């Protein structure tokens, strides 16, 4: 009745596949999360050492990782900024 929703305390379906996808990513984009609910919050740590990570969220994100660029905007505005960043690279 509730596909694609994981409640607190539940296992994340297909977490192994998610870890594999993140570890192979050329770039990682995370939208709308505080990165405080595990295990999903820790997925970004599986990104490669040189993989750029972008987080779009208007609130503070309590992580310290040199790879992370935090775009402090709501998703619609943040995606526009992200698109411009990609165009300039």
PDB file of N, CA and C in Angstrom:
ATOM      1  N   UNK A   1       0.815  -1.216   0.000  1.00  0.00           N
ATOM      2  CA  UNK A   1       0.000   0.000   0.000  1.00  0.00           C
ATOM      3  C   UNK A   1       0.847   1.262   0.000  1.00  0.00           C
ATOM      4  N   UNK A   2       2.121   1.142   0.313  1.00  0.00           N
ATOM      5  CA  UNK A   2       2.978   2.317   0.380  1.00  0.00           C
ATOM      6  C   UNK A   2       4.320   2.049  -0.290  1.00  0.00           C
ATOM      7  N   UNK A   3       4.338   1.925  -1.590  1.00  0.00           N
ATOM      8  CA  UNK A   3       5.607   1.637  -2.275  1.00  0.00           C
ATOM      9  C   UNK A   3       6.582   2.801  -2.140  1.00  0.00           C
ATOM     10  N   UNK A   4       7.872   2.484  -2.090  1.00  0.00           N
ATOM     11  CA  UNK A   4       8.949   3.476  -2.086  1.00  0.00           C
ATOM     12  C   UNK A   4       8.973   4.338  -0.827  1.00  0.00           C
ATOM     13  N   UNK A   5       8.384   3.879   0.249  1.00  0.00           N
ATOM     14  CA  UNK A   5       8.405   4.612   1.510  1.00  0.00           C
ATOM     15  C   UNK A   5       9.017   3.700   2.564  1.00  0.00           C
ATOM     16  N   UNK A   6       9.973   4.234   3.307  1.00  0.00           N
ATOM     17  CA  UNK A   6      10.585   3.491   4.398  1.00  0.00           C
ATOM     18  C   UNK A   6      10.361   4.295   5.673  1.00  0.00           C
ATOM     19  N   UNK A   7       9.762   3.674   6.654  1.00  0.00           N
ATOM     20  CA  UNK A   7       9.492   4.331   7.931  1.00  0.00           C
ATOM     21  C   UNK A   7      10.669   4.126   8.872  1.00  0.00           C
ATOM     22  N   UNK A   8      10.751   4.958   9.912  1.00  0.00           N
ATOM     23  CA  UNK A   8      11.801   4.833  10.915  1.00  0.00           C
ATOM     24  C   UNK A   8      11.827   3.414  11.458  1.00  0.00           C
ATOM     25  N   UNK A   9      13.018   2.879  11.591  1.00  0.00           N
ATOM     26  CA  UNK A   9      13.176   1.553  12.157  1.00  0.00           C
ATOM     27  C   UNK A   9      13.052   0.419  11.169  1.00  0.00           C
ATOM     28  N   UNK A  10      12.655   0.707   9.930  1.00  0.00           N
ATOM     29  CA  UNK A  10      12.525  -0.333   8.911  1.00  0.00           C
ATOM     30  C   UNK A  10      13.826  -0.478   8.126  1.00  0.00           C
ATOM     31  N   UNK A  11      14.042  -1.661   7.614  1.00  0.00           N
ATOM     32  CA  UNK A  11      15.191  -1.892   6.744  1.00  0.00           C
ATOM     33  C   UNK A  11      14.957  -1.181   5.407  1.00  0.00           C
ATOM     34  N   UNK A  12      16.031  -0.737   4.798  1.00  0.00           N
ATOM     35  CA  UNK A  12      15.936  -0.097   3.486  1.00  0.00           C
ATOM     36  C   UNK A  12      16.008  -1.187   2.427  1.00  0.00           C
ATOM     37  N   UNK A  13      14.955  -1.332   1.612  1.00  0.00           N
ATOM     38  CA  UNK A  13      14.992  -2.353   0.557  1.00  0.00           C
ATOM     39  C   UNK A  13      16.115  -2.061  -0.440  1.00  0.00           C
ATOM     40  N   UNK A  14      16.766  -3.109  -0.876  1.00  0.00           N
ATOM     41  CA  UNK A  14      17.794  -3.010  -1.913  1.00  0.00           C
ATOM     42  C   UNK A  14      18.951  -2.089  -1.529  1.00  0.00           C
ATOM     43  N   UNK A  15      19.284  -2.016  -0.234  1.00  0.00           N
ATOM     44  CA  UNK A  15      20.387  -1.155   0.201  1.00  0.00           C
ATOM     45  C   UNK A  15      21.700  -1.559  -0.451  1.00  0.00           C
ATOM     46  N   UNK A  16      21.898  -2.855  -0.681  1.00  0.00           N
ATOM     47  CA  UNK A  16      23.133  -3.317  -1.316  1.00  0.00           C
ATOM     48  C   UNK A  16      23.251  -2.780  -2.740  1.00  0.00           C
ATOM     49  N   UNK A  17      22.138  -2.769  -3.468  1.00  0.00           N
ATOM     50  CA  UNK A  17      22.149  -2.222  -4.833  1.00  0.00           C
ATOM     51  C   UNK A  17      22.403  -0.710  -4.806  1.00  0.00           C
ATOM     52  N   UNK A  18      21.869  -0.046  -3.807  1.00  0.00           N
ATOM     53  CA  UNK A  18      22.095   1.393  -3.680  1.00  0.00           C
ATOM     54  C   UNK A  18      23.564   1.689  -3.397  1.00  0.00           C
ATOM     55  N   UNK A  19      24.171   0.901  -2.524  1.00  0.00           N
ATOM     56  CA  UNK A  19      25.597   1.068  -2.217  1.00  0.00           C
ATOM     57  C   UNK A  19      26.422   0.865  -3.480  1.00  0.00           C
ATOM     58  N   UNK A  20      26.093  -0.154  -4.256  1.00  0.00           N
ATOM     59  CA  UNK A  20      26.815  -0.417  -5.498  1.00  0.00           C
ATOM     60  C   UNK A  20      26.674   0.744  -6.479  1.00  0.00           C
ATOM     61  N   UNK A  21      25.465   1.256  -6.630  1.00  0.00           N
ATOM     62  CA  UNK A  21      25.237   2.373  -7.559  1.00  0.00           C
ATOM     63  C   UNK A  21      26.013   3.616  -7.117  1.00  0.00           C
ATOM     64  N   UNK A  22      25.982   3.922  -5.833  1.00  0.00           N
ATOM     65  CA  UNK A  22      26.703   5.093  -5.323  1.00  0.00           C
ATOM     66  C   UNK A  22      28.207   4.917  -5.519  1.00  0.00           C
ATOM     67  N   UNK A  23      28.712   3.733  -5.286  1.00  0.00           N
ATOM     68  CA  UNK A  23      30.156   3.502  -5.407  1.00  0.00           C
ATOM     69  C   UNK A  23      30.639   3.622  -6.852  1.00  0.00           C
ATOM     70  N   UNK A  24      29.745   3.446  -7.816  1.00  0.00           N
ATOM     71  CA  UNK A  24      30.113   3.559  -9.235  1.00  0.00           C
ATOM     72  C   UNK A  24      29.783   4.919  -9.836  1.00  0.00           C
ATOM     73  N   UNK A  25      29.164   5.801  -9.075  1.00  0.00           N
ATOM     74  CA  UNK A  25      28.692   7.085  -9.605  1.00  0.00           C
ATOM     75  C   UNK A  25      29.853   8.016  -9.963  1.00  0.00           C
ATOM     76  N   UNK A  26      29.676   8.761 -11.044  1.00  0.00           N
ATOM     77  CA  UNK A  26      30.637   9.804 -11.421  1.00  0.00           C
ATOM     78  C   UNK A  26      30.372  11.086 -10.649  1.00  0.00           C
ATOM     79  N   UNK A  27      29.125  11.282 -10.278  1.00  0.00           N
ATOM     80  CA  UNK A  27      28.690  12.449  -9.517  1.00  0.00           C
ATOM     81  C   UNK A  27      27.482  11.997  -8.699  1.00  0.00           C
ATOM     82  N   UNK A  28      27.317  12.560  -7.507  1.00  0.00           N
ATOM     83  CA  UNK A  28      26.207  12.170  -6.648  1.00  0.00           C
ATOM     84  C   UNK A  28      25.397  13.405  -6.292  1.00  0.00           C
ATOM     85  N   UNK A  29      24.097  13.334  -6.519  1.00  0.00           N
ATOM     86  CA  UNK A  29      23.184  14.422  -6.199  1.00  0.00           C
ATOM     87  C   UNK A  29      22.185  13.925  -5.166  1.00  0.00           C
ATOM     88  N   UNK A  30      22.108  14.641  -4.051  1.00  0.00           N
ATOM     89  CA  UNK A  30      21.185  14.310  -2.968  1.00  0.00           C
ATOM     90  C   UNK A  30      20.266  15.503  -2.785  1.00  0.00           C
ATOM     91  N   UNK A  31      18.956  15.257  -2.829  1.00  0.00           N
ATOM     92  CA  UNK A  31      17.996  16.361  -2.760  1.00  0.00           C
ATOM     93  C   UNK A  31      17.039  16.161  -1.597  1.00  0.00           C
ATOM     94  N   UNK A  32      16.934  17.186  -0.760  1.00  0.00           N
ATOM     95  CA  UNK A  32      15.902  17.237   0.263  1.00  0.00           C
ATOM     96  C   UNK A  32      16.055  16.281   1.418  1.00  0.00           C
ATOM     97  N   UNK A  33      17.228  16.248   2.027  1.00  0.00           N
ATOM     98  CA  UNK A  33      17.405  15.391   3.193  1.00  0.00           C
ATOM     99  C   UNK A  33      18.362  16.042   4.176  1.00  0.00           C
ATOM    100  N   UNK A  34      18.174  15.724   5.422  1.00  0.00           N
ATOM    101  CA  UNK A  34      19.053  16.239   6.463  1.00  0.00           C
ATOM    102  C   UNK A  34      20.258  15.330   6.683  1.00  0.00           C
ATOM    103  N   UNK A  35      20.277  14.183   6.045  1.00  0.00           N
ATOM    104  CA  UNK A  35      21.317  13.170   6.228  1.00  0.00           C
ATOM    105  C   UNK A  35      21.443  12.765   7.691  1.00  0.00           C
ATOM    106  N   UNK A  36      20.311  12.590   8.345  1.00  0.00           N
ATOM    107  CA  UNK A  36      20.323  12.206   9.748  1.00  0.00           C
ATOM    108  C   UNK A  36      19.611  10.888  10.010  1.00  0.00           C
ATOM    109  N   UNK A  37      18.989  10.297   9.001  1.00  0.00           N
ATOM    110  CA  UNK A  37      18.255   9.045   9.195  1.00  0.00           C
ATOM    111  C   UNK A  37      19.022   7.921   8.495  1.00  0.00           C
ATOM    112  N   UNK A  38      19.529   7.015   9.306  1.00  0.00           N
ATOM    113  CA  UNK A  38      20.349   5.921   8.799  1.00  0.00           C
ATOM    114  C   UNK A  38      19.522   4.662   8.625  1.00  0.00           C
ATOM    115  N   UNK A  39      19.904   3.806   7.688  1.00  0.00           N
ATOM    116  CA  UNK A  39      21.187   3.718   7.006  1.00  0.00           C
ATOM    117  C   UNK A  39      21.279   4.543   5.724  1.00  0.00           C
ATOM    118  N   UNK A  40      20.175   5.023   5.214  1.00  0.00           N
ATOM    119  CA  UNK A  40      20.218   5.756   3.944  1.00  0.00           C
ATOM    120  C   UNK A  40      21.099   6.996   4.026  1.00  0.00           C
ATOM    121  N   UNK A  41      21.152   7.648   5.165  1.00  0.00           N
ATOM    122  CA  UNK A  41      21.953   8.861   5.314  1.00  0.00           C
ATOM    123  C   UNK A  41      23.440   8.610   5.093  1.00  0.00           C
ATOM    124  N   UNK A  42      23.886   7.398   5.290  1.00  0.00           N
ATOM    125  CA  UNK A  42      25.292   7.079   5.118  1.00  0.00           C
ATOM    126  C   UNK A  42      25.681   6.647   3.721  1.00  0.00           C
ATOM    127  N   UNK A  43      24.728   6.576   2.820  1.00  0.00           N
ATOM    128  CA  UNK A  43      25.046   6.106   1.463  1.00  0.00           C
ATOM    129  C   UNK A  43      26.101   6.950   0.774  1.00  0.00           C
ATOM    130  N   UNK A  44      26.102   8.265   1.005  1.00  0.00           N
ATOM    131  CA  UNK A  44      27.058   9.133   0.309  1.00  0.00           C
ATOM    132  C   UNK A  44      28.499   8.719   0.620  1.00  0.00           C
ATOM    133  N   UNK A  45      28.720   8.091   1.754  1.00  0.00           N
ATOM    134  CA  UNK A  45      30.081   7.688   2.141  1.00  0.00           C
ATOM    135  C   UNK A  45      30.662   6.619   1.222  1.00  0.00           C
ATOM    136  N   UNK A  46      29.817   5.962   0.462  1.00  0.00           N
ATOM    137  CA  UNK A  46      30.282   4.928  -0.469  1.00  0.00           C
ATOM    138  C   UNK A  46      30.726   5.514  -1.807  1.00  0.00           C
ATOM    139  N   UNK A  47      30.535   6.815  -2.001  1.00  0.00           N
ATOM    140  CA  UNK A  47      30.989   7.455  -3.232  1.00  0.00           C
ATOM    141  C   UNK A  47      32.511   7.440  -3.269  1.00  0.00           C
ATOM    142  N   UNK A  48      33.051   7.387  -4.469  1.00  0.00           N
ATOM    143  CA  UNK A  48      34.502   7.372  -4.632  1.00  0.00           C
ATOM    144  C   UNK A  48      35.164   8.603  -4.045  1.00  0.00           C
ATOM    145  N   UNK A  49      36.439   8.468  -3.753  1.00  0.00           N
ATOM    146  CA  UNK A  49      37.213   9.538  -3.132  1.00  0.00           C
ATOM    147  C   UNK A  49      37.177  10.834  -3.942  1.00  0.00           C
ATOM    148  N   UNK A  50      37.152  10.724  -5.254  1.00  0.00           N
ATOM    149  CA  UNK A  50      37.145  11.905  -6.120  1.00  0.00           C
ATOM    150  C   UNK A  50      35.763  12.217  -6.701  1.00  0.00           C
ATOM    151  N   UNK A  51      34.734  11.575  -6.191  1.00  0.00           N
ATOM    152  CA  UNK A  51      33.376  11.798  -6.698  1.00  0.00           C
ATOM    153  C   UNK A  51      32.782  13.057  -6.072  1.00  0.00           C
ATOM    154  N   UNK A  52      32.413  14.044  -6.893  1.00  0.00           N
ATOM    155  CA  UNK A  52      31.760  15.227  -6.322  1.00  0.00           C
ATOM    156  C   UNK A  52      30.357  14.888  -5.832  1.00  0.00           C
ATOM    157  N   UNK A  53      30.002  15.456  -4.701  1.00  0.00           N
ATOM    158  CA  UNK A  53      28.697  15.217  -4.093  1.00  0.00           C
ATOM    159  C   UNK A  53      28.010  16.567  -3.906  1.00  0.00           C
ATOM    160  N   UNK A  54      26.792  16.669  -4.404  1.00  0.00           N
ATOM    161  CA  UNK A  54      25.993  17.883  -4.254  1.00  0.00           C
ATOM    162  C   UNK A  54      24.770  17.549  -3.415  1.00  0.00           C
ATOM    163  N   UNK A  55      24.518  18.386  -2.421  1.00  0.00           N
ATOM    164  CA  UNK A  55      23.324  18.243  -1.597  1.00  0.00           C
ATOM    165  C   UNK A  55      22.498  19.501  -1.758  1.00  0.00           C
ATOM    166  N   UNK A  56      21.224  19.310  -2.113  1.00  0.00           N
ATOM    167  CA  UNK A  56      20.299  20.438  -2.222  1.00  0.00           C
ATOM    168  C   UNK A  56      19.322  20.333  -1.065  1.00  0.00           C
ATOM    169  N   UNK A  57      19.426  21.282  -0.147  1.00  0.00           N
ATOM    170  CA  UNK A  57      18.530  21.337   1.007  1.00  0.00           C
ATOM    171  C   UNK A  57      18.688  22.709   1.654  1.00  0.00           C
ATOM    172  N   UNK A  58      17.590  23.372   1.987  1.00  0.00           N
ATOM    173  CA  UNK A  58      17.702  24.717   2.555  1.00  0.00           C
ATOM    174  C   UNK A  58      18.233  24.741   3.988  1.00  0.00           C
ATOM    175  N   UNK A  59      18.233  23.601   4.656  1.00  0.00           N
ATOM    176  CA  UNK A  59      18.677  23.545   6.048  1.00  0.00           C
ATOM    177  C   UNK A  59      20.125  23.090   6.141  1.00  0.00           C
ATOM    178  N   UNK A  60      20.731  23.313   7.297  1.00  0.00           N
ATOM    179  CA  UNK A  60      22.084  22.835   7.528  1.00  0.00           C
ATOM    180  C   UNK A  60      22.125  21.320   7.424  1.00  0.00           C
ATOM    181  N   UNK A  61      23.218  20.823   6.896  1.00  0.00           N
ATOM    182  CA  UNK A  61      23.431  19.383   6.781  1.00  0.00           C
ATOM    183  C   UNK A  61      24.667  19.071   7.629  1.00  0.00           C
ATOM    184  N   UNK A  62      24.496  18.270   8.684  1.00  0.00           N
ATOM    185  CA  UNK A  62      25.579  18.061   9.654  1.00  0.00           C
ATOM    186  C   UNK A  62      26.631  17.045   9.211  1.00  0.00           C
ATOM    187  N   UNK A  63      27.267  17.315   8.089  1.00  0.00           N
ATOM    188  CA  UNK A  63      28.345  16.440   7.627  1.00  0.00           C
ATOM    189  C   UNK A  63      29.546  17.298   7.267  1.00  0.00           C
ATOM    190  N   UNK A  64      30.718  16.711   7.421  1.00  0.00           N
ATOM    191  CA  UNK A  64      31.947  17.411   7.079  1.00  0.00           C
ATOM    192  C   UNK A  64      32.725  16.526   6.116  1.00  0.00           C
ATOM    193  N   UNK A  65      32.579  16.806   4.833  1.00  0.00           N
ATOM    194  CA  UNK A  65      33.222  15.998   3.798  1.00  0.00           C
ATOM    195  C   UNK A  65      33.636  16.951   2.690  1.00  0.00           C
ATOM    196  N   UNK A  66      34.895  16.980   2.367  1.00  0.00           N
ATOM    197  CA  UNK A  66      35.415  17.946   1.385  1.00  0.00           C
ATOM    198  C   UNK A  66      34.775  17.802   0.010  1.00  0.00           C
ATOM    199  N   UNK A  67      34.190  16.642  -0.272  1.00  0.00           N
ATOM    200  CA  UNK A  67      33.571  16.409  -1.580  1.00  0.00           C
ATOM    201  C   UNK A  67      32.221  17.083  -1.716  1.00  0.00           C
ATOM    202  N   UNK A  68      31.615  17.459  -0.606  1.00  0.00           N
ATOM    203  CA  UNK A  68      30.232  17.934  -0.615  1.00  0.00           C
ATOM    204  C   UNK A  68      30.145  19.423  -0.901  1.00  0.00           C
ATOM    205  N   UNK A  69      29.287  19.750  -1.854  1.00  0.00           N
ATOM    206  CA  UNK A  69      28.885  21.135  -2.107  1.00  0.00           C
ATOM    207  C   UNK A  69      27.432  21.218  -1.678  1.00  0.00           C
ATOM    208  N   UNK A  70      27.179  22.062  -0.692  1.00  0.00           N
ATOM    209  CA  UNK A  70      25.819  22.202  -0.172  1.00  0.00           C
ATOM    210  C   UNK A  70      25.155  23.401  -0.822  1.00  0.00           C
ATOM    211  N   UNK A  71      24.116  23.143  -1.580  1.00  0.00           N
ATOM    212  CA  UNK A  71      23.312  24.201  -2.206  1.00  0.00           C
ATOM    213  C   UNK A  71      22.131  24.439  -1.277  1.00  0.00           C
ATOM    214  N   UNK A  72      22.160  25.539  -0.550  1.00  0.00           N
ATOM    215  CA  UNK A  72      21.150  25.827   0.480  1.00  0.00           C
ATOM    216  C   UNK A  72      19.926  26.506  -0.137  1.00  0.00           C
ATOM    217  N   UNK A  73      19.143  25.695  -0.812  1.00  0.00           N
ATOM    218  CA  UNK A  73      17.929  26.170  -1.477  1.00  0.00           C
ATOM    219  C   UNK A  73      16.885  25.067  -1.434  1.00  0.00           C
ATOM    220  N   UNK A  74      15.635  25.449  -1.714  1.00  0.00           N
ATOM    221  CA  UNK A  74      14.594  24.441  -1.905  1.00  0.00           C
ATOM    222  C   UNK A  74      14.900  23.719  -3.215  1.00  0.00           C
ATOM    223  N   UNK A  75      14.292  22.575  -3.409  1.00  0.00           N
ATOM    224  CA  UNK A  75      14.633  21.713  -4.543  1.00  0.00           C
ATOM    225  C   UNK A  75      14.496  22.410  -5.901  1.00  0.00           C
ATOM    226  N   UNK A  76      13.417  23.142  -6.124  1.00  0.00           N
ATOM    227  CA  UNK A  76      13.221  23.747  -7.448  1.00  0.00           C
ATOM    228  C   UNK A  76      14.322  24.752  -7.764  1.00  0.00           C
ATOM    229  N   UNK A  77      14.636  25.624  -6.849  1.00  0.00           N
ATOM    230  CA  UNK A  77      15.700  26.616  -7.063  1.00  0.00           C
ATOM    231  C   UNK A  77      17.067  25.929  -7.070  1.00  0.00           C
ATOM    232  N   UNK A  78      17.261  24.983  -6.174  1.00  0.00           N
ATOM    233  CA  UNK A  78      18.531  24.270  -6.093  1.00  0.00           C
ATOM    234  C   UNK A  78      18.860  23.495  -7.352  1.00  0.00           C
ATOM    235  N   UNK A  79      17.868  22.900  -7.974  1.00  0.00           N
ATOM    236  CA  UNK A  79      18.098  22.166  -9.218  1.00  0.00           C
ATOM    237  C   UNK A  79      18.530  23.100 -10.343  1.00  0.00           C
ATOM    238  N   UNK A  80      17.998  24.296 -10.368  1.00  0.00           N
ATOM    239  CA  UNK A  80      18.435  25.283 -11.369  1.00  0.00           C
ATOM    240  C   UNK A  80      19.905  25.643 -11.149  1.00  0.00           C
ATOM    241  N   UNK A  81      20.279  25.858  -9.896  1.00  0.00           N
ATOM    242  CA  UNK A  81      21.673  26.167  -9.573  1.00  0.00           C
ATOM    243  C   UNK A  81      22.572  24.991  -9.959  1.00  0.00           C
ATOM    244  N   UNK A  82      22.146  23.780  -9.629  1.00  0.00           N
ATOM    245  CA  UNK A  82      22.909  22.581  -9.968  1.00  0.00           C
ATOM    246  C   UNK A  82      23.085  22.465 -11.478  1.00  0.00           C
ATOM    247  N   UNK A  83      22.032  22.711 -12.219  1.00  0.00           N
ATOM    248  CA  UNK A  83      22.102  22.644 -13.679  1.00  0.00           C
ATOM    249  C   UNK A  83      23.143  23.637 -14.197  1.00  0.00           C
ATOM    250  N   UNK A  84      23.164  24.841 -13.643  1.00  0.00           N
ATOM    251  CA  UNK A  84      24.152  25.837 -14.074  1.00  0.00           C
ATOM    252  C   UNK A  84      25.563  25.429 -13.697  1.00  0.00           C
ATOM    253  N   UNK A  85      25.733  24.789 -12.554  1.00  0.00           N
ATOM    254  CA  UNK A  85      27.050  24.292 -12.162  1.00  0.00           C
ATOM    255  C   UNK A  85      27.523  23.260 -13.179  1.00  0.00           C
ATOM    256  N   UNK A  86      26.658  22.338 -13.562  1.00  0.00           N
ATOM    257  CA  UNK A  86      27.039  21.310 -14.528  1.00  0.00           C
ATOM    258  C   UNK A  86      27.391  21.929 -15.894  1.00  0.00           C
ATOM    259  N   UNK A  87      26.652  22.950 -16.294  1.00  0.00           N
ATOM    260  CA  UNK A  87      26.925  23.595 -17.568  1.00  0.00           C
ATOM    261  C   UNK A  87      28.293  24.274 -17.573  1.00  0.00           C
ATOM    262  N   UNK A  88      28.704  24.802 -16.421  1.00  0.00           N
ATOM    263  CA  UNK A  88      29.966  25.538 -16.361  1.00  0.00           C
ATOM    264  C   UNK A  88      31.190  24.616 -16.262  1.00  0.00           C
ATOM    265  N   UNK A  89      30.973  23.343 -15.984  1.00  0.00           N
ATOM    266  CA  UNK A  89      32.108  22.410 -15.870  1.00  0.00           C
ATOM    267  C   UNK A  89      32.471  21.791 -17.189  1.00  0.00           C
TER     268      UNK A  89
END
